[in-house]
C-alpha atoms as a PDB file:
ATOM      1  CA  MET A   1     262.203  40.023 -79.412  1.00  0.00           C
ATOM      2  CA  THR A   2     261.127  39.853 -75.411  1.00  0.00           C
ATOM      3  CA  ARG A   3     263.645  39.737 -72.744  1.00  0.00           C
ATOM      4  CA  TRP A   4     262.283  35.984 -71.664  1.00  0.00           C
ATOM      5  CA  GLN A   5     261.700  35.098 -75.909  1.00  0.00           C
ATOM      6  CA  ILE A   6     265.503  35.658 -75.785  1.00  0.00           C
ATOM      7  CA  ALA A   7     265.647  33.768 -72.298  1.00  0.00           C
ATOM      8  CA  ALA A   8     264.075  30.085 -73.866  1.00  0.00           C
ATOM      9  CA  LEU A   9     266.414  30.938 -77.580  1.00  0.00           C
ATOM     10  CA  ILE A  10     269.458  30.957 -75.909  1.00  0.00           C
ATOM     11  CA  ILE A  11     268.390  28.310 -73.409  1.00  0.00           C
ATOM     12  CA  ARG A  12     266.970  26.289 -76.188  1.00  0.00           C
ATOM     13  CA  ALA A  13     269.906  25.928 -78.397  1.00  0.00           C
ATOM     14  CA  SER A  14     271.946  25.208 -75.940  1.00  0.00           C
ATOM     15  CA  TYR A  15     269.891  22.255 -74.095  1.00  0.00           C
ATOM     16  CA  GLY A  16     266.501  21.953 -76.357  1.00  0.00           C
ATOM     17  CA  GLU A  17     263.598  21.608 -73.116  1.00  0.00           C
ATOM     18  CA  ASP A  18     264.818  18.084 -71.528  1.00  0.00           C
ATOM     19  CA  PHE A  19     267.308  20.315 -69.311  1.00  0.00           C
ATOM     20  CA  SER A  20     267.350  21.733 -64.896  1.00  0.00           C
ATOM     21  CA  TYR A  21     266.653  24.222 -62.922  1.00  0.00           C
ATOM     22  CA  PRO A  22     265.694  25.817 -60.110  1.00  0.00           C
ATOM     23  CA  THR A  23     262.519  25.848 -58.735  1.00  0.00           C
ATOM     24  CA  THR A  24     262.715  28.582 -56.720  1.00  0.00           C
ATOM     25  CA  THR A  25     261.672  31.833 -58.082  1.00  0.00           C
ATOM     26  CA  TYR A  26     264.593  33.859 -58.930  1.00  0.00           C
ATOM     27  CA  PHE A  27     262.478  37.525 -59.302  1.00  0.00           C
ATOM     28  CA  SER A  28     259.633  38.987 -58.430  1.00  0.00           C
ATOM     29  CA  ASP A  29     258.345  39.621 -61.823  1.00  0.00           C
ATOM     30  CA  VAL A  30     258.397  36.183 -62.956  1.00  0.00           C
ATOM     31  CA  ALA A  31     256.014  33.608 -61.472  1.00  0.00           C
ATOM     32  CA  ALA A  32     256.933  29.871 -61.718  1.00  0.00           C
ATOM     33  CA  SER A  33     253.816  29.080 -64.318  1.00  0.00           C
ATOM     34  CA  ASP A  34     254.977  32.178 -66.670  1.00  0.00           C
ATOM     35  CA  SER A  35     255.908  29.965 -70.068  1.00  0.00           C
ATOM     36  CA  GLY A  36     259.130  30.922 -69.934  1.00  0.00           C
ATOM     37  CA  PHE A  37     259.735  31.068 -65.882  1.00  0.00           C
ATOM     38  CA  LYS A  38     262.098  27.654 -66.768  1.00  0.00           C
ATOM     39  CA  TYR A  39     264.472  29.330 -69.532  1.00  0.00           C
ATOM     40  CA  ILE A  40     265.045  32.651 -67.856  1.00  0.00           C
ATOM     41  CA  GLN A  41     265.835  30.077 -63.775  1.00  0.00           C
ATOM     42  CA  LYS A  42     268.853  28.479 -66.480  1.00  0.00           C
ATOM     43  CA  MET A  43     269.963  31.716 -68.260  1.00  0.00           C
ATOM     44  CA  LYS A  44     270.300  33.012 -64.426  1.00  0.00           C
ATOM     45  CA  ALA A  45     271.411  29.468 -63.162  1.00  0.00           C
ATOM     46  CA  LEU A  46     274.185  29.961 -65.458  1.00  0.00           C
ATOM     47  CA  GLY A  47     275.474  33.334 -64.607  1.00  0.00           C
ATOM     48  CA  LEU A  48     274.783  34.510 -67.914  1.00  0.00           C
ATOM     49  CA  THR A  49     272.084  37.214 -66.549  1.00  0.00           C
ATOM     50  CA  LYS A  50     273.258  39.978 -64.817  1.00  0.00           C
ATOM     51  CA  ALA A  51     269.646  40.901 -63.618  1.00  0.00           C
ATOM     52  CA  GLU A  52     268.731  41.342 -59.427  1.00  0.00           C
ATOM     53  CA  GLY A  53     265.272  41.475 -58.174  1.00  0.00           C
ATOM     54  CA  MET A  54     263.555  41.993 -61.783  1.00  0.00           C
ATOM     55  CA  PHE A  55     264.030  40.784 -64.871  1.00  0.00           C
ATOM     56  CA  TYR A  56     261.317  42.571 -67.668  1.00  0.00           C
ATOM     57  CA  PRO A  57     260.130  39.342 -68.973  1.00  0.00           C
ATOM     58  CA  ASP A  58     258.436  41.058 -71.336  1.00  0.00           C
ATOM     59  CA  ARG A  59     260.691  44.325 -72.247  1.00  0.00           C
ATOM     60  CA  VAL A  60     262.459  44.388 -75.844  1.00  0.00           C
ATOM     61  CA  VAL A  61     265.933  43.428 -76.072  1.00  0.00           C
ATOM     62  CA  THR A  62     268.733  46.327 -76.489  1.00  0.00           C
ATOM     63  CA  ARG A  63     270.864  44.902 -78.856  1.00  0.00           C
ATOM     64  CA  GLU A  64     273.448  45.526 -75.901  1.00  0.00           C
ATOM     65  CA  GLU A  65     271.969  43.275 -73.779  1.00  0.00           C
ATOM     66  CA  MET A  66     271.491  40.703 -76.823  1.00  0.00           C
ATOM     67  CA  ALA A  67     275.224  40.969 -77.753  1.00  0.00           C
ATOM     68  CA  ALA A  68     275.749  40.267 -73.687  1.00  0.00           C
ATOM     69  CA  PHE A  69     273.438  37.323 -73.639  1.00  0.00           C
ATOM     70  CA  VAL A  70     275.236  35.667 -77.390  1.00  0.00           C
ATOM     71  CA  SER A  71     279.323  36.267 -76.025  1.00  0.00           C
ATOM     72  CA  LYS A  72     278.830  35.143 -72.938  1.00  0.00           C
ATOM     73  CA  THR A  73     276.953  32.147 -74.323  1.00  0.00           C
ATOM     74  CA  PHE A  74     278.685  30.722 -77.395  1.00  0.00           C
ATOM     75  CA  ILE A  75     281.502  32.852 -76.588  1.00  0.00           C
ATOM     76  CA  GLY A  76     281.907  32.349 -72.872  1.00  0.00           C
ATOM     77  CA  MET A  77     282.895  36.125 -72.824  1.00  0.00           C
ATOM     78  CA  GLU A  78     282.310  37.847 -70.361  1.00  0.00           C
END
């Protein structure tokens, strides 16, 4: 899965489709018109990603990244 797909999966599992998110773009490689924009924005706002500047939304997620996303989201680990 890609990073934006993981963002969508995690945010949908936690909030469904009805949630607020910052509209000011956090990442230079994620446009407001991108299909994953609201999920990526919400992940950043919640502190579930430490990415800065660029998110690389189409990059395949590594096992380490998946473990970090899942543990922060569902277990509350840092």
